[in-house]
Protein backbone atom coordinates (compact mmCIF):
# COMPACT_ATOMS: atom_id res chain seq x y z
CA MET A 1 21.51 128.71 113.90
CA THR A 2 21.05 126.02 116.23
CA LYS A 3 23.59 125.53 119.25
CA GLU A 4 25.18 122.26 117.33
CA ARG A 5 25.50 123.78 114.29
CA LYS A 6 27.39 126.72 115.81
CA VAL A 7 29.52 123.84 117.37
CA MET A 8 30.19 122.04 113.94
CA LYS A 9 31.21 125.23 112.20
CA TRP A 10 33.42 126.35 115.04
CA LEU A 11 35.09 122.92 114.74
CA MET A 12 35.19 123.30 110.63
CA ASN A 13 37.09 126.35 111.35
CA TRP A 14 39.53 126.40 114.14
CA GLY A 15 39.32 122.66 114.70
CA TRP A 16 42.52 121.67 112.62
CA ILE A 17 44.49 124.53 114.28
CA LEU A 18 43.73 122.23 117.64
CA LEU A 19 44.92 119.09 116.26
CA TYR A 20 48.34 120.35 114.92
CA VAL A 21 48.64 121.91 118.40
CA VAL A 22 48.03 118.61 119.95
CA ILE A 23 50.29 117.02 117.91
CA MET A 24 53.38 119.23 118.25
CA SER A 25 52.93 119.20 122.00
CA ALA A 26 52.81 115.22 121.96
CA ALA A 27 55.93 115.55 119.84
CA VAL A 28 57.86 118.09 121.81
CA LEU A 29 56.40 115.82 125.25
CA PHE A 30 58.18 112.59 123.48
CA ILE A 31 61.37 114.19 122.35
CA THR A 32 61.66 115.55 125.95
CA LEU A 33 60.95 112.28 127.75
CA GLY A 34 63.24 110.35 125.52
CA ASP A 35 66.05 112.99 125.56
CA ARG A 36 66.54 112.69 121.82
CA GLU A 37 68.04 115.04 119.86
CA PRO A 38 65.57 115.03 116.61
CA ILE A 39 68.15 116.16 114.15
CA GLU A 40 71.44 115.52 115.34
CA ASP A 41 73.37 112.49 113.94
CA ASN A 42 75.56 110.91 116.52
CA SER A 43 76.64 108.12 114.28
CA PRO A 44 80.56 107.69 113.99
CA GLU A 45 81.74 109.57 110.61
CA LYS A 46 82.24 107.49 107.57
CA ILE A 47 85.81 106.64 106.97
CA THR A 48 87.02 104.69 103.81
CA LEU A 49 91.09 103.53 103.80
CA THR A 50 92.61 102.66 100.51
CA PHE A 51 95.48 99.94 101.27
CA ARG A 52 97.41 98.53 98.46
CA HIS A 53 99.57 95.63 98.39
CA PHE A 54 101.44 93.24 95.86
CA TRP A 55 100.60 89.90 97.46
CA LEU A 56 99.59 88.39 93.88
CA LYS A 57 101.92 85.95 93.27
CA GLU A 58 101.53 81.76 94.31
CA HIS A 59 103.62 82.05 96.71
CA ASP A 60 102.06 85.14 98.80
CA ARG A 61 98.74 83.66 98.82
CA PRO A 62 98.64 82.40 102.12
CA LEU A 63 99.76 85.63 103.61
CA LEU A 64 97.46 87.44 101.26
CA ALA A 65 94.64 85.54 103.54
CA ILE A 66 96.01 86.31 106.52
CA PHE A 67 95.89 90.22 106.20
CA GLU A 68 92.20 89.85 104.61
CA GLU A 69 91.08 88.11 107.21
CA VAL A 70 92.83 90.55 109.62
CA VAL A 71 90.92 93.61 107.39
CA GLN A 72 87.60 91.58 107.77
CA GLU A 73 87.69 91.63 111.43
CA TYR A 74 88.76 95.09 111.56
CA GLN A 75 85.63 96.23 109.53
CA GLN A 76 83.16 94.27 111.70
CA GLU A 77 84.66 95.96 114.70
CA HIS A 78 84.80 99.33 113.10
CA PRO A 79 81.66 99.49 111.02
CA ASN A 80 81.98 103.06 110.31
CA VAL A 81 85.68 102.18 108.25
CA LYS A 82 85.89 100.72 104.80
CA VAL A 83 88.91 99.27 103.58
CA ASN A 84 89.66 99.36 99.81
CA PHE A 85 92.29 96.37 99.95
CA GLU A 86 94.06 96.90 96.31
CA GLY A 87 96.52 94.56 94.52
CA LEU A 88 99.24 95.40 92.09
CA ASP A 89 101.83 94.34 90.51
CA GLN A 90 104.96 94.35 92.55
CA THR A 91 107.37 95.87 90.36
CA ILE A 92 104.35 98.35 88.75
CA HIS A 93 103.54 99.14 92.15
CA ARG A 94 107.13 100.46 93.35
CA GLU A 95 108.80 101.04 90.08
CA ARG A 96 106.24 103.52 88.58
CA LYS A 97 102.77 103.93 90.55
CA LEU A 98 104.45 104.71 94.09
CA LYS A 99 106.83 106.75 92.74
CA SER A 100 104.60 109.03 90.82
CA GLU A 101 101.96 109.35 93.66
CA MET A 102 104.43 110.70 96.21
CA VAL A 103 105.89 113.47 93.78
CA THR A 104 101.98 114.35 93.30
CA GLY A 105 101.60 113.49 97.18
CA THR A 106 98.81 111.15 96.30
CA PRO A 107 99.51 107.66 97.96
CA PRO A 108 97.25 105.55 98.66
CA ASP A 109 96.67 105.83 103.14
CA MET A 110 98.65 102.20 103.72
CA PHE A 111 100.58 100.69 101.26
CA VAL A 112 103.65 97.60 101.25
CA LEU A 113 107.08 98.97 100.67
CA PHE A 114 110.57 97.94 100.96
CA GLY A 115 112.55 99.78 103.53
CA GLY A 116 115.91 100.53 103.02
CA ALA A 117 117.32 103.07 100.23
CA GLU A 118 113.97 102.58 98.56
CA ILE A 119 112.31 104.27 100.87
CA GLU A 120 114.75 107.42 101.72
CA PRO A 121 113.43 109.75 98.77
CA TYR A 122 110.11 109.39 100.45
CA VAL A 123 111.09 110.31 103.77
CA ARG A 124 113.33 113.36 102.78
CA SER A 125 110.22 114.81 100.76
CA ASP A 126 108.05 113.95 104.03
CA ARG A 127 105.67 111.67 102.01
CA LEU A 128 105.64 109.14 104.59
CA MET A 129 104.13 109.27 108.18
CA ASP A 130 106.75 109.43 111.14
CA LEU A 131 105.49 106.24 113.18
CA THR A 132 108.22 106.90 115.95
CA GLY A 133 105.46 108.03 118.23
CA PHE A 134 102.98 105.16 117.60
CA ALA A 135 105.18 102.44 117.94
CA GLU A 136 106.43 103.86 121.23
CA GLU A 137 103.16 104.38 122.52
CA ASN A 138 101.84 100.81 121.48
CA GLY A 139 104.98 98.89 122.89
CA LEU A 140 106.42 97.88 119.48
CA THR A 141 109.69 99.23 119.12
CA GLY A 142 111.54 96.72 121.03
CA GLN A 143 109.52 93.71 119.57
CA PHE A 144 110.78 93.78 116.19
CA LYS A 145 114.43 92.19 115.56
CA ASP A 146 115.55 94.91 113.44
CA LEU A 147 114.25 98.55 112.23
CA GLN A 148 117.49 99.58 110.34
CA LEU A 149 116.11 99.84 107.14
CA TRP A 150 113.28 101.93 108.59
CA THR A 151 114.58 103.93 110.70
CA PHE A 152 116.19 107.55 109.45
CA ASN A 153 117.39 110.54 112.03
CA ASN A 154 116.00 108.04 114.73
CA HIS A 155 112.72 108.29 113.54
CA ILE A 156 110.54 105.04 112.12
CA TYR A 157 109.05 105.53 109.02
CA GLY A 158 107.47 101.72 108.56
CA LEU A 159 107.29 98.76 110.00
CA PRO A 160 108.52 95.45 108.55
CA ILE A 161 105.95 92.43 108.53
CA GLU A 162 108.42 89.71 107.93
CA GLY A 163 112.07 88.84 107.82
CA ASN A 164 113.90 86.87 104.46
CA ALA A 165 116.79 84.91 103.95
CA GLU A 166 118.16 84.25 100.17
CA PRO A 167 119.95 80.35 100.95
CA LEU A 168 120.74 78.21 97.98
CA TYR A 169 118.25 74.94 97.80
CA TYR A 170 119.47 71.49 96.11
CA ASN A 171 118.25 68.29 95.25
CA LYS A 172 119.52 66.00 97.31
CA THR A 173 118.51 62.77 95.37
CA ILE A 174 120.22 64.37 92.45
CA PHE A 175 123.19 65.39 93.86
CA ASN A 176 123.74 61.85 95.67
CA LYS A 177 122.71 59.75 92.70
CA LEU A 178 125.85 62.15 90.93
CA GLY A 179 128.00 61.82 93.80
CA ILE A 180 128.20 65.68 93.97
CA ALA A 181 129.01 67.28 97.54
CA PRO A 182 127.13 70.31 98.81
CA PRO A 183 129.24 72.92 97.81
CA ALA A 184 131.29 75.09 100.05
CA THR A 185 133.02 77.15 97.67
CA VAL A 186 132.79 79.01 94.19
CA SER A 187 135.55 76.80 92.42
CA GLU A 188 133.36 73.53 94.20
CA LEU A 189 130.19 75.05 92.53
CA ASP A 190 131.71 75.19 89.27
CA THR A 191 132.49 71.73 89.39
CA ALA A 192 128.98 70.90 90.38
CA ILE A 193 127.54 73.15 87.19
CA ARG A 194 129.43 70.84 84.95
CA LYS A 195 128.62 67.47 86.26
CA LEU A 196 124.93 68.16 86.20
CA GLN A 197 125.23 69.91 82.79
CA ALA A 198 126.66 66.57 81.55
CA ALA A 199 124.38 64.44 83.37
CA GLY A 200 121.38 66.44 81.55
CA TYR A 201 119.97 68.54 84.28
CA ILE A 202 119.73 72.05 84.43
CA PRO A 203 121.83 73.66 87.25
CA PHE A 204 120.17 76.68 88.13
CA ALA A 205 116.39 77.40 87.98
CA LEU A 206 115.82 81.26 87.52
CA GLY A 207 112.55 82.82 86.68
CA ASN A 208 113.62 86.48 85.64
CA GLU A 209 110.59 87.92 84.79
CA ASP A 210 110.60 90.51 87.30
CA ARG A 211 113.99 91.14 86.64
CA TRP A 212 115.25 91.00 90.48
CA PRO A 213 115.70 87.20 90.63
CA ALA A 214 118.82 87.29 88.75
CA LEU A 215 120.37 89.98 91.07
CA ILE A 216 120.81 87.94 93.77
CA PHE A 217 123.43 85.80 92.25
CA ALA A 218 125.27 89.12 90.84
CA HIS A 219 125.01 90.28 94.83
CA TYR A 220 126.51 87.01 96.17
CA LEU A 221 129.15 87.08 93.55
CA MET A 222 130.15 90.59 94.24
CA ASP A 223 129.97 89.66 97.97
CA ARG A 224 132.27 86.98 97.76
CA TYR A 225 134.49 88.27 95.41
CA ALA A 226 134.89 92.15 96.95
CA GLY A 227 133.27 91.84 100.57
CA PRO A 228 131.51 94.13 102.45
CA GLU A 229 132.56 97.00 102.34
CA LEU A 230 132.82 97.96 98.82
CA ILE A 231 128.82 97.97 98.34
CA GLN A 232 128.62 100.24 101.59
CA GLU A 233 130.92 103.13 100.23
CA LEU A 234 129.03 102.69 96.80
CA ALA A 235 125.56 103.24 98.67
CA THR A 236 126.62 106.00 100.53
CA GLY A 237 128.36 107.63 97.73
CA ARG A 238 131.95 107.61 99.18
CA ASP A 239 134.86 109.45 96.56
CA GLY A 240 136.74 107.12 94.99
CA ALA A 241 134.47 104.23 95.40
CA THR A 242 133.43 102.69 91.63
CA PHE A 243 131.71 99.60 90.49
CA GLN A 244 134.23 99.15 88.00
CA SER A 245 136.54 97.72 90.96
CA GLY A 246 138.70 94.66 90.18
CA ASP A 247 136.56 92.34 92.44
CA TYR A 248 133.50 93.45 91.01
CA VAL A 249 134.86 92.90 87.25
CA GLN A 250 135.86 89.07 88.56
CA ALA A 251 132.35 88.82 90.17
CA PHE A 252 130.83 90.18 86.74
CA HIS A 253 132.70 87.66 84.75
CA GLN A 254 132.23 84.56 86.79
CA LEU A 255 128.65 85.22 86.52
CA ASN A 256 129.15 86.09 82.75
CA GLN A 257 130.64 82.26 82.60
CA TRP A 258 127.84 80.57 84.04
CA ILE A 259 125.58 82.35 81.61
CA ASN A 260 127.54 81.38 78.32
CA GLU A 261 127.81 77.81 79.88
CA GLY A 262 124.06 77.57 80.05
CA ALA A 263 123.93 77.17 84.10
CA PHE A 264 120.49 79.00 84.10
CA SER A 265 116.98 78.27 82.98
CA PRO A 266 116.53 78.53 78.90
CA GLY A 267 114.72 82.02 78.14
CA ALA A 268 115.36 82.69 82.01
CA ASN A 269 114.23 86.78 81.48
CA ASP A 270 110.85 85.18 80.46
CA LEU A 271 110.30 82.85 82.58
CA SER A 272 107.96 83.67 85.89
CA THR A 273 109.27 82.57 89.09
CA GLU A 274 106.60 79.80 89.39
CA ASN A 275 107.52 77.74 86.26
CA ALA A 276 111.34 78.21 87.44
CA VAL A 277 109.93 76.50 90.88
CA LYS A 278 108.46 73.78 88.98
CA LEU A 279 111.52 73.11 87.01
CA PHE A 280 113.01 72.60 90.31
CA THR A 281 110.13 70.47 91.86
CA GLY A 282 110.19 68.48 88.39
CA GLY A 283 113.58 67.42 89.23
CA GLN A 284 114.59 69.27 85.31
CA ALA A 285 116.54 71.86 87.60
CA ALA A 286 119.03 70.74 90.67
CA MET A 287 119.62 74.07 92.16
CA TYR A 288 117.44 76.96 93.03
CA LEU A 289 118.84 80.29 94.84
CA ASN A 290 115.88 82.72 96.12
CA GLY A 291 113.82 83.78 99.18
CA ASN A 292 112.47 81.86 101.83
CA TRP A 293 109.37 83.27 100.72
CA ASP A 294 108.96 80.61 97.81
CA ILE A 295 109.12 77.21 100.47
CA ASN A 296 105.36 77.13 100.12
CA LEU A 297 105.41 76.24 96.40
CA PHE A 298 107.93 73.64 97.04
CA THR A 299 104.19 71.51 97.72
CA GLY A 300 101.14 70.97 95.86
CA GLU A 301 99.89 69.81 92.81
CA THR A 302 102.95 70.14 90.54
CA ALA A 303 105.91 68.76 93.23
CA PRO A 304 106.21 65.60 94.35
CA GLU A 305 104.50 64.51 97.43
CA ASP A 306 107.37 64.39 99.68
CA PHE A 307 109.75 66.64 97.67
CA GLN A 308 110.35 69.15 100.62
CA ASN A 309 112.42 65.86 102.20
CA GLU A 310 114.58 65.79 98.98
CA VAL A 311 115.66 69.35 99.29
CA GLY A 312 118.76 70.52 100.96
CA VAL A 313 119.58 74.04 102.01
CA ILE A 314 122.96 75.71 102.41
CA PRO A 315 124.49 79.26 102.13
CA PHE A 316 125.89 80.77 98.76
CA PRO A 317 128.91 79.33 98.86
CA ALA A 318 131.91 81.39 100.07
CA LEU A 319 135.18 82.31 97.56
CA LEU A 320 137.69 80.16 99.45
CA LYS A 321 137.74 77.48 101.92
CA GLY A 322 137.50 78.02 105.29
CA GLN A 323 135.66 81.55 104.95
CA GLU A 324 132.21 81.78 106.49
CA PRO A 325 129.71 82.97 103.83
CA SER A 326 127.65 85.53 104.36
CA ILE A 327 123.66 85.27 103.82
CA ALA A 328 121.57 87.65 102.25
CA GLY A 329 118.30 88.79 104.03
CA GLY A 330 116.87 91.35 106.23
CA TYR A 331 113.89 92.89 107.64
CA THR A 332 113.05 94.73 104.22
CA ILE A 333 109.12 94.25 103.37
CA GLY A 334 107.07 96.09 105.38
CA ILE A 335 103.53 98.60 105.41
CA GLY A 336 104.06 102.38 105.35
CA LEU A 337 101.42 105.06 105.80
CA SER A 338 100.90 108.44 103.84
CA SER A 339 101.97 111.46 105.83
CA GLY A 340 98.54 113.28 104.55
CA LEU A 341 96.45 110.93 106.84
CA ALA A 342 94.83 113.25 109.32
CA GLY A 343 91.95 113.53 111.96
CA ALA A 344 89.58 110.26 112.13
CA LYS A 345 91.34 108.96 109.11
CA ARG A 346 94.86 108.88 110.54
CA GLU A 347 93.41 107.31 113.96
CA ALA A 348 91.70 104.99 111.73
CA ALA A 349 94.87 103.63 109.90
CA LEU A 350 96.84 103.50 113.16
CA GLU A 351 94.24 101.57 114.55
CA LEU A 352 94.62 99.04 111.28
CA MET A 353 98.31 98.91 111.99
CA LYS A 354 97.88 97.82 115.44
CA ALA A 355 95.61 94.84 114.27
CA PHE A 356 98.31 94.35 111.86
CA TYR A 357 101.50 93.96 114.52
CA THR A 358 100.30 91.41 116.90
CA LYS A 359 101.93 88.03 118.19
CA GLU A 360 98.84 86.50 116.93
CA VAL A 361 99.14 87.71 113.26
CA GLN A 362 103.10 86.95 113.34
CA THR A 363 102.59 83.50 114.46
CA ARG A 364 100.00 82.93 111.41
CA ILE A 365 103.11 84.36 109.15
CA VAL A 366 105.16 81.75 110.29
CA TYR A 367 103.03 78.67 110.31
CA GLU A 368 100.61 79.53 107.44
CA GLY A 369 102.97 81.66 105.11
CA LEU A 370 106.41 79.91 106.15
CA ARG A 371 107.76 83.17 106.45
CA ILE A 372 110.41 84.66 108.97
CA PRO A 373 108.63 86.55 111.60
CA SER A 374 109.65 90.03 111.94
CA MET A 375 108.97 90.53 115.69
CA ARG A 376 110.39 88.71 118.58
CA LEU A 377 108.32 85.34 118.59
CA ASP A 378 109.21 81.61 119.72
CA PHE A 379 107.83 79.07 117.19
CA ASP A 380 108.50 75.64 116.81
CA SER A 381 110.09 75.22 113.52
CA ALA A 382 109.81 71.51 113.38
CA LYS A 383 105.90 72.30 112.73
CA THR A 384 106.76 74.31 109.37
CA GLY A 385 108.21 71.48 107.50
CA PRO A 386 111.41 70.45 106.57
CA VAL A 387 112.47 73.04 104.30
CA PHE A 388 111.44 76.03 106.44
CA ALA A 389 113.53 73.85 109.51
CA GLN A 390 116.51 74.12 107.82
CA VAL A 391 116.32 77.88 106.46
CA VAL A 392 115.77 78.81 110.12
CA GLU A 393 118.33 76.79 111.52
CA LEU A 394 121.10 78.17 108.95
CA MET A 395 120.24 81.65 109.98
CA GLU A 396 121.05 80.70 113.65
CA ASP A 397 124.04 78.78 112.61
CA TYR A 398 125.93 81.74 110.33
CA ASN A 399 126.16 84.80 112.15
CA HIS A 400 126.97 87.07 109.09
CA SER A 401 124.18 88.41 107.12
CA PHE A 402 123.75 91.42 104.55
CA VAL A 403 121.29 93.05 103.42
CA PRO A 404 120.16 92.34 99.60
CA TYR A 405 121.90 95.29 97.32
CA ASP A 406 118.59 96.51 95.26
CA ASN A 407 117.77 97.34 99.09
CA LEU A 408 121.07 99.33 99.66
CA LEU A 409 121.28 100.97 96.27
CA SER A 410 119.26 104.18 95.21
CA PRO A 411 116.20 103.39 93.11
CA GLU A 412 117.86 105.34 90.01
CA VAL A 413 121.24 103.01 90.60
CA LYS A 414 119.17 99.88 91.19
CA LYS A 415 117.11 100.76 88.08
CA ALA A 416 120.53 100.52 85.98
CA PHE A 417 121.65 97.20 88.16
CA LEU A 418 118.55 95.65 87.32
CA GLY A 419 119.03 96.49 83.55
CA VAL A 420 122.40 95.46 83.38
CA VAL A 421 121.63 92.03 84.83
CA GLU A 422 119.05 91.65 82.44
CA GLU A 423 121.19 92.95 79.59
CA LEU A 424 123.99 90.04 80.64
CA ILE A 425 121.49 87.27 80.91
CA GLU A 426 120.46 87.99 77.05
CA ARG A 427 123.83 87.98 75.76
CA SER A 428 123.47 91.45 75.06
CA THR A 429 126.31 93.35 76.85
CA SER A 430 129.38 92.11 78.39
CA PRO A 431 130.57 92.30 82.06
CA ASP A 432 132.92 95.35 81.64
CA GLN A 433 130.23 97.19 79.61
CA ALA A 434 127.83 96.26 82.69
CA LEU A 435 129.83 97.39 85.27
CA ALA A 436 130.72 100.59 83.18
CA ASP A 437 127.04 101.47 82.63
CA LEU A 438 126.26 100.82 86.42
CA GLN A 439 128.95 103.14 87.54
CA GLU A 440 127.46 105.77 85.25
CA ALA A 441 124.27 105.69 86.47
CA SER A 442 125.99 105.64 90.33
CA GLN A 443 128.14 108.83 89.32
CA GLN A 444 125.02 110.66 87.54
CA TYR A 445 122.83 110.07 90.88
CA TRP A 446 125.62 111.42 93.42
CA ASN A 447 126.49 114.36 91.05
CA LEU A 448 122.77 115.03 91.16
CA ILE A 449 122.32 114.58 95.06
CA ARG A 450 125.72 116.95 95.35
CA SER A 451 124.22 119.57 93.43
CA THR A 452 120.89 119.58 95.52
CA GLU A 453 122.96 119.96 98.59
CA VAL A 454 125.15 122.74 97.51
CA GLN A 455 122.04 124.53 96.55
């Protein structure tokens, strides 16, 4: 066999091994020189956060747009985090879904909710994350105007997004035309209602489809006739306190009088907020009682171009002349986090909270959403439009405010409150029976609470 043939045979038998050794050596050299780990992935952990809101109504669109932009920017800065932004009807979220999720321990990671009595059961059952440390570490504690509704046993369990006020809006053009002065007392409001009806106007535009708007009339009258002490006693379960007090009887009879006189929009229980506002902006209704969040509905395609300049803003009238009327409002709407969050997911959620609670976001809430900021913030009310400017001035001029009753009462009693006022609007119950039903619900709740405490 020639020498050349021997070499060829050796290469065929052993050359592939030599090639393999050369390739592996080159690979090892490449990895070593590049200081790379061939099988280790150092990319950040992929995280998905669920965030539920109830900004579905027309008046909520500016607020929704702001927070969607914040989330989008956050995701760009944190490419490993995906935020599932879910919208759900407010009533379904608050009264049904979130309650059941809290029982099973499966709430969303982050969610919009109302402070006060509504979240107290969630705090007691350890379903809400304690944000005390987060607020302190980020210098937020002293920046909020009021954390009362979010604080339990000196711990913070949510942060308010905005403040709110519930003034009475009236059409100045209609009032001037009929020679009606802005009412300062309930008696003067009675007179105004009758004059408006005689002239063919709906006195109050009311859309009670969501059930809570009619409660605004109820809690104002209850406050005017009884003052602020009784509801505090009922909200804390003080012995002897009752919804069937003489003052509340007078308040419910006053509300029932307006219902029977036709002071509210026809079919109010089936009317949406948006359609009620259209009655007001369209000139069919002369007054509208609701929160400042509806101001941005006073402009747009369905409202006259200059309508905002026709709107006057006053507090709901006092019971007697000379009394300073209080205004319902507070810092009730905010964001809470699930106590089940841990590790990298918890850190990602808290980073997003930092992005939500900035002066920049709060400024946008004022100018774009026409909402009262929850944080201490200087802003030019002249740039927000005439109605919002009047609301801000009203809040500055009147020193007394109270938390809306549906935020003070327990969820169980609040449910009864919603039900009896709805039945009053439908004329299917009497004022006395409504208060009896409300008292029964309250008694059952406190009996349950006390029996649990004894055990």
